[in-house]
N, C-alpha and C. Protein backbone atom coordinates (compact mmCIF):
# COMPACT_ATOMS: atom_id res chain seq x y z
N UNK A 1 24.99 -7.75 -15.34
CA UNK A 1 23.85 -6.77 -14.50
C UNK A 1 24.08 -5.41 -15.04
N UNK A 2 25.32 -5.08 -15.02
CA UNK A 2 25.52 -3.70 -15.55
C UNK A 2 25.21 -3.40 -16.94
N UNK A 3 25.32 -4.26 -18.08
CA UNK A 3 24.74 -4.23 -19.22
C UNK A 3 22.93 -4.09 -19.37
N UNK A 4 22.52 -4.80 -18.33
CA UNK A 4 21.21 -4.66 -18.38
C UNK A 4 20.61 -3.34 -18.06
N UNK A 5 21.30 -2.82 -16.97
CA UNK A 5 21.09 -1.83 -16.36
C UNK A 5 21.28 -0.47 -17.46
N UNK A 6 22.43 -0.55 -18.03
CA UNK A 6 22.67 0.34 -19.05
C UNK A 6 21.73 0.52 -20.23
N UNK A 7 21.26 -0.56 -20.62
CA UNK A 7 20.15 -0.72 -21.59
C UNK A 7 19.18 0.08 -21.10
N UNK A 8 18.54 -0.10 -20.08
CA UNK A 8 17.26 0.53 -19.50
C UNK A 8 17.60 1.92 -19.30
N UNK A 9 18.95 2.58 -18.88
CA UNK A 9 19.02 3.91 -18.49
C UNK A 9 19.21 4.66 -19.82
N UNK A 10 20.09 4.04 -20.96
CA UNK A 10 20.00 4.94 -22.28
C UNK A 10 18.60 4.91 -22.90
N UNK A 11 17.96 3.66 -22.86
CA UNK A 11 16.58 3.84 -23.38
C UNK A 11 15.60 4.90 -22.73
N UNK A 12 15.74 4.73 -21.47
CA UNK A 12 14.77 5.79 -20.74
C UNK A 12 15.11 7.16 -20.77
N UNK A 13 16.63 7.52 -20.41
CA UNK A 13 17.00 8.74 -20.20
C UNK A 13 17.17 9.40 -21.60
N UNK A 14 18.07 9.03 -22.27
CA UNK A 14 18.73 9.52 -23.49
C UNK A 14 17.77 9.44 -24.53
N UNK A 15 17.24 8.36 -24.80
CA UNK A 15 16.04 8.30 -26.04
C UNK A 15 14.52 8.74 -25.61
N UNK A 16 14.15 8.71 -24.66
CA UNK A 16 12.85 9.03 -24.06
C UNK A 16 12.75 10.34 -23.50
N UNK A 17 13.46 10.46 -22.13
CA UNK A 17 13.15 11.62 -21.26
C UNK A 17 13.75 12.88 -22.05
N UNK A 18 15.18 12.65 -22.50
CA UNK A 18 15.68 13.77 -23.32
C UNK A 18 15.51 13.91 -24.83
N UNK A 19 14.68 13.06 -25.43
CA UNK A 19 14.08 12.92 -26.52
C UNK A 19 15.33 13.05 -27.57
N UNK A 20 16.46 12.29 -27.66
CA UNK A 20 17.32 12.12 -28.59
C UNK A 20 17.18 11.48 -29.73
N UNK A 21 15.92 10.51 -29.35
CA UNK A 21 15.72 9.59 -30.50
C UNK A 21 14.15 9.63 -30.61
N UNK A 22 13.61 10.91 -31.44
CA UNK A 22 12.17 11.25 -31.64
C UNK A 22 11.22 9.95 -31.93
N UNK A 23 11.80 9.01 -32.59
CA UNK A 23 11.29 7.78 -33.05
C UNK A 23 10.24 7.22 -31.93
N UNK A 24 10.75 7.04 -30.65
CA UNK A 24 10.30 6.36 -29.59
C UNK A 24 8.76 7.31 -29.20
N UNK A 25 8.95 8.73 -29.35
CA UNK A 25 7.70 9.54 -29.06
C UNK A 25 6.76 9.13 -30.39
N UNK A 26 7.07 8.97 -31.46
CA UNK A 26 6.35 8.47 -32.75
C UNK A 26 5.61 7.00 -32.40
N UNK A 27 6.17 6.39 -31.76
CA UNK A 27 5.84 4.77 -31.47
C UNK A 27 4.90 5.10 -30.58
N UNK A 28 5.13 5.79 -29.44
CA UNK A 28 3.90 6.05 -28.38
C UNK A 28 2.65 6.68 -29.03
N UNK A 29 3.02 7.89 -29.81
CA UNK A 29 1.82 8.39 -30.34
C UNK A 29 0.97 7.75 -31.04
N UNK A 30 1.72 6.76 -32.06
CA UNK A 30 0.77 5.81 -32.88
C UNK A 30 -0.26 4.85 -31.75
N UNK A 31 0.61 4.36 -31.05
CA UNK A 31 0.05 3.41 -30.30
C UNK A 31 -0.90 4.06 -29.26
N UNK A 32 -0.53 5.03 -28.41
CA UNK A 32 -1.47 5.65 -27.37
C UNK A 32 -2.04 6.56 -27.88
N UNK A 33 -1.71 7.40 -28.97
CA UNK A 33 -2.73 8.80 -29.21
C UNK A 33 -1.43 9.81 -29.14
N UNK A 34 -1.78 10.77 -30.38
CA UNK A 34 -0.70 11.72 -30.23
C UNK A 34 -0.84 12.98 -29.10
N UNK A 35 -2.18 13.01 -28.53
CA UNK A 35 -2.53 14.17 -27.71
C UNK A 35 -1.43 14.31 -26.51
N UNK A 36 -1.14 13.33 -25.84
CA UNK A 36 -0.20 13.13 -24.79
C UNK A 36 1.17 12.29 -25.16
N UNK A 37 1.57 12.35 -26.13
CA UNK A 37 2.50 11.52 -26.78
C UNK A 37 3.91 11.92 -25.95
N UNK A 38 4.10 13.00 -25.86
CA UNK A 38 5.30 13.84 -25.24
C UNK A 38 5.46 13.23 -23.76
N UNK A 39 4.32 13.66 -22.86
CA UNK A 39 3.99 13.27 -21.61
C UNK A 39 4.38 11.80 -21.39
N UNK A 40 3.65 11.00 -22.07
CA UNK A 40 3.57 9.69 -21.81
C UNK A 40 5.14 8.99 -22.15
N UNK A 41 5.56 9.81 -23.23
CA UNK A 41 7.07 9.23 -23.66
C UNK A 41 8.07 9.41 -22.38
N UNK A 42 7.89 10.61 -21.84
CA UNK A 42 8.58 11.06 -20.60
C UNK A 42 8.28 9.97 -19.51
N UNK A 43 7.22 9.62 -19.03
CA UNK A 43 6.87 8.84 -17.98
C UNK A 43 7.30 7.54 -18.25
N UNK A 44 7.12 6.83 -19.37
CA UNK A 44 7.78 5.54 -19.81
C UNK A 44 9.22 5.51 -19.61
N UNK A 45 9.86 6.96 -20.16
CA UNK A 45 11.22 6.80 -20.04
C UNK A 45 11.84 6.90 -18.42
N UNK A 46 10.99 7.61 -17.74
CA UNK A 46 11.21 7.44 -16.07
C UNK A 46 11.12 6.49 -15.64
N UNK A 47 10.27 5.53 -16.01
CA UNK A 47 9.64 4.09 -15.65
C UNK A 47 11.17 3.19 -15.92
N UNK A 48 11.71 3.50 -17.12
CA UNK A 48 12.97 2.80 -17.48
C UNK A 48 14.09 3.38 -16.70
N UNK A 49 14.25 4.50 -16.42
CA UNK A 49 15.14 5.05 -15.32
C UNK A 49 14.98 4.26 -14.02
N UNK A 50 13.75 4.06 -13.50
CA UNK A 50 13.36 3.46 -12.23
C UNK A 50 13.87 1.92 -12.38
N UNK A 51 13.81 1.52 -13.53
CA UNK A 51 14.05 -0.04 -13.52
C UNK A 51 15.40 -0.10 -13.67
N UNK A 52 16.28 0.96 -13.89
CA UNK A 52 17.90 0.93 -13.96
C UNK A 52 18.32 0.94 -12.59
N UNK A 53 17.71 1.59 -11.48
CA UNK A 53 17.81 1.66 -10.15
C UNK A 53 17.42 0.24 -9.45
N UNK A 54 16.27 -0.28 -9.99
CA UNK A 54 16.02 -1.57 -9.42
C UNK A 54 16.86 -2.34 -9.79
N UNK A 55 17.18 -2.46 -11.02
CA UNK A 55 18.32 -3.47 -11.48
C UNK A 55 19.57 -3.53 -10.66
N UNK A 56 20.21 -2.43 -10.67
CA UNK A 56 21.35 -2.26 -9.79
C UNK A 56 21.09 -2.26 -8.46
N UNK A 57 19.98 -2.12 -7.68
CA UNK A 57 19.74 -2.40 -6.22
C UNK A 57 19.96 -3.94 -5.80
N UNK A 58 19.48 -4.79 -6.95
CA UNK A 58 19.57 -6.19 -6.65
C UNK A 58 18.21 -6.50 -5.71
N UNK A 59 17.18 -5.73 -5.19
CA UNK A 59 16.08 -6.04 -4.70
C UNK A 59 15.09 -6.69 -5.50
N UNK A 60 14.56 -7.88 -4.69
CA UNK A 60 13.71 -9.05 -5.31
C UNK A 60 14.01 -9.18 -6.76
N UNK A 61 15.39 -10.05 -7.05
CA UNK A 61 16.13 -10.08 -8.24
C UNK A 61 15.12 -10.73 -9.25
N UNK A 62 14.63 -12.00 -8.85
CA UNK A 62 14.03 -12.66 -9.73
C UNK A 62 12.54 -12.04 -10.16
N UNK A 63 12.05 -11.54 -9.24
CA UNK A 63 10.77 -10.82 -9.39
C UNK A 63 11.02 -9.43 -10.27
N UNK A 64 12.28 -8.99 -10.12
CA UNK A 64 12.32 -8.02 -11.00
C UNK A 64 12.85 -8.59 -12.62
N UNK A 65 13.57 -9.73 -12.59
CA UNK A 65 13.82 -10.21 -14.02
C UNK A 65 12.42 -10.58 -14.80
N UNK A 66 11.65 -11.32 -14.03
CA UNK A 66 10.34 -11.67 -14.72
C UNK A 66 9.67 -10.12 -15.18
N UNK A 67 9.72 -9.20 -14.31
CA UNK A 67 8.90 -7.71 -14.66
C UNK A 67 9.88 -7.55 -15.81
N UNK A 68 10.87 -7.32 -16.08
CA UNK A 68 11.72 -6.85 -17.45
C UNK A 68 11.16 -7.66 -18.57
N UNK A 69 11.27 -8.85 -18.42
CA UNK A 69 10.76 -9.75 -19.48
C UNK A 69 9.24 -9.62 -20.02
N UNK A 70 8.50 -9.46 -18.84
CA UNK A 70 7.17 -9.36 -19.37
C UNK A 70 6.93 -7.79 -20.12
N UNK A 71 7.78 -6.77 -19.38
CA UNK A 71 7.67 -5.43 -20.15
C UNK A 71 8.05 -5.47 -21.56
N UNK A 72 9.42 -6.09 -21.61
CA UNK A 72 9.92 -5.95 -22.90
C UNK A 72 9.28 -6.74 -23.90
N UNK A 73 8.62 -7.90 -23.56
CA UNK A 73 8.11 -8.68 -24.59
C UNK A 73 6.59 -8.27 -25.05
N UNK A 74 6.10 -7.46 -23.94
CA UNK A 74 4.70 -6.78 -24.14
C UNK A 74 4.89 -5.78 -25.11
N UNK A 75 5.90 -5.06 -24.86
CA UNK A 75 6.21 -3.64 -25.53
C UNK A 75 6.45 -4.05 -27.02
N UNK A 76 7.34 -5.20 -27.16
CA UNK A 76 7.63 -5.60 -28.65
C UNK A 76 6.88 -6.21 -29.21
N UNK A 77 5.87 -7.04 -28.77
CA UNK A 77 4.83 -7.48 -29.36
C UNK A 77 3.67 -6.73 -30.16
N UNK A 78 3.61 -5.57 -29.04
CA UNK A 78 2.59 -4.29 -29.58
C UNK A 78 3.27 -3.63 -30.73
N UNK A 79 4.53 -3.48 -30.78
CA UNK A 79 5.24 -2.57 -31.57
C UNK A 79 5.60 -3.38 -32.78
N UNK A 80 5.56 -4.61 -32.73
CA UNK A 80 5.52 -5.68 -33.89
C UNK A 80 4.50 -5.73 -34.72
N UNK A 81 3.37 -5.75 -34.10
CA UNK A 81 1.86 -5.40 -34.53
C UNK A 81 1.49 -4.24 -35.22
N UNK A 82 1.89 -3.29 -34.34
CA UNK A 82 1.09 -2.07 -34.59
C UNK A 82 1.86 -0.81 -35.27
N UNK A 83 3.51 -0.88 -35.17
CA UNK A 83 4.21 0.31 -35.66
C UNK A 83 5.55 -0.45 -36.18
N UNK A 84 5.54 -1.57 -37.00
CA UNK A 84 6.78 -1.91 -37.50
C UNK A 84 7.67 -1.18 -38.27
N UNK A 85 7.01 -0.40 -38.94
CA UNK A 85 7.61 0.83 -39.97
C UNK A 85 8.41 1.92 -39.02
N UNK A 86 7.91 2.01 -37.70
CA UNK A 86 8.64 2.96 -37.01
C UNK A 86 10.04 2.26 -36.30
N UNK A 87 10.04 0.82 -36.16
CA UNK A 87 10.87 0.43 -35.35
C UNK A 87 12.59 0.39 -36.28
N UNK A 88 13.54 0.65 -35.43
CA UNK A 88 14.78 0.75 -36.08
C UNK A 88 15.29 -0.36 -37.18
N UNK A 89 15.06 -1.67 -36.51
CA UNK A 89 14.99 -2.69 -37.51
C UNK A 89 14.19 -3.65 -38.00
N UNK A 90 12.86 -2.81 -37.84
CA UNK A 90 11.60 -3.29 -38.13
C UNK A 90 11.18 -4.42 -37.40
N UNK A 91 10.70 -5.47 -38.06
CA UNK A 91 10.16 -6.81 -37.23
C UNK A 91 11.25 -7.37 -36.65
N UNK A 92 12.42 -7.27 -37.13
CA UNK A 92 13.79 -7.98 -36.44
C UNK A 92 13.93 -7.21 -35.21
N UNK A 93 13.61 -6.09 -34.57
CA UNK A 93 13.59 -5.69 -33.21
C UNK A 93 13.21 -7.01 -32.45
N UNK A 94 12.14 -7.39 -32.72
CA UNK A 94 11.40 -8.51 -31.89
C UNK A 94 12.39 -9.64 -31.62
N UNK A 95 13.28 -9.94 -32.60
CA UNK A 95 14.49 -11.03 -32.41
C UNK A 95 15.50 -10.31 -31.30
N UNK A 96 15.73 -9.09 -31.49
CA UNK A 96 16.92 -8.68 -30.73
C UNK A 96 16.15 -8.42 -29.24
N UNK A 97 14.92 -7.91 -28.87
CA UNK A 97 14.46 -8.04 -27.82
C UNK A 97 14.17 -9.41 -27.05
N UNK A 98 14.02 -10.34 -27.83
CA UNK A 98 14.22 -11.55 -27.33
C UNK A 98 15.57 -12.02 -26.81
N UNK A 99 16.55 -11.82 -27.62
CA UNK A 99 17.84 -12.04 -26.99
C UNK A 99 18.00 -11.30 -25.97
N UNK A 100 17.74 -9.97 -25.73
CA UNK A 100 18.11 -9.32 -24.50
C UNK A 100 17.17 -9.92 -23.47
N UNK A 101 16.03 -10.45 -23.68
CA UNK A 101 15.31 -11.22 -22.88
C UNK A 101 16.21 -12.47 -22.09
N UNK A 102 16.66 -13.07 -23.28
CA UNK A 102 17.48 -14.41 -22.91
C UNK A 102 18.65 -13.89 -22.19
N UNK A 103 19.37 -12.89 -22.10
CA UNK A 103 20.37 -12.21 -21.35
C UNK A 103 19.89 -12.10 -20.06
N UNK A 104 18.70 -11.37 -19.90
CA UNK A 104 18.24 -11.25 -18.57
C UNK A 104 17.86 -12.60 -17.76
N UNK A 105 17.54 -13.58 -18.54
CA UNK A 105 17.11 -14.98 -18.03
C UNK A 105 18.40 -15.39 -17.47
N UNK A 106 19.39 -15.47 -18.30
CA UNK A 106 20.44 -16.18 -17.98
C UNK A 106 21.30 -15.54 -16.76
N UNK A 107 21.16 -14.14 -16.54
CA UNK A 107 22.05 -13.48 -15.57
C UNK A 107 21.26 -13.50 -14.27
N UNK A 108 19.85 -13.88 -14.27
CA UNK A 108 18.95 -13.86 -13.00
C UNK A 108 18.79 -15.41 -12.49
N UNK A 109 18.83 -16.24 -13.49
CA UNK A 109 18.07 -17.66 -13.11
C UNK A 109 19.28 -18.75 -13.43
N UNK A 110 20.28 -18.39 -14.23
CA UNK A 110 21.12 -19.29 -14.73
C UNK A 110 22.44 -19.11 -13.88
N UNK A 111 22.93 -17.80 -14.28
CA UNK A 111 24.49 -17.48 -13.95
C UNK A 111 24.56 -17.51 -12.06
N UNK A 112 23.54 -17.33 -11.79
CA UNK A 112 23.61 -16.98 -10.21
C UNK A 112 23.83 -18.31 -9.69
N UNK A 113 23.24 -19.68 -10.37
CA UNK A 113 23.79 -20.78 -9.67
C UNK A 113 24.94 -21.25 -9.78
N UNK A 114 25.64 -20.72 -10.76
CA UNK A 114 26.87 -21.22 -11.02
C UNK A 114 28.01 -20.65 -9.97
């Protein structure tokens, strides 16, 4: 669970809110438009920091896991189709996102039963 929370926190605060990885704003700008790309990138980053808090809280665990998986897959499908040239590993990002979703699924639906 700490690994999952860390991924959300780093991507939200470090990459988007603090803009240490400007490529994220470029992706947002290409998909949603350049006019408010910075503001939208910050909002997305804050939502990811919020996801960190939700993950760590353990509140509605299974709903949280389903939400994470839907958000990750939706975002990565859009990026795969619309901006593969801006992704760190190109279309391979989708594979890595799928692996992250598998880790989430395992932690929330499999591991908890063991």
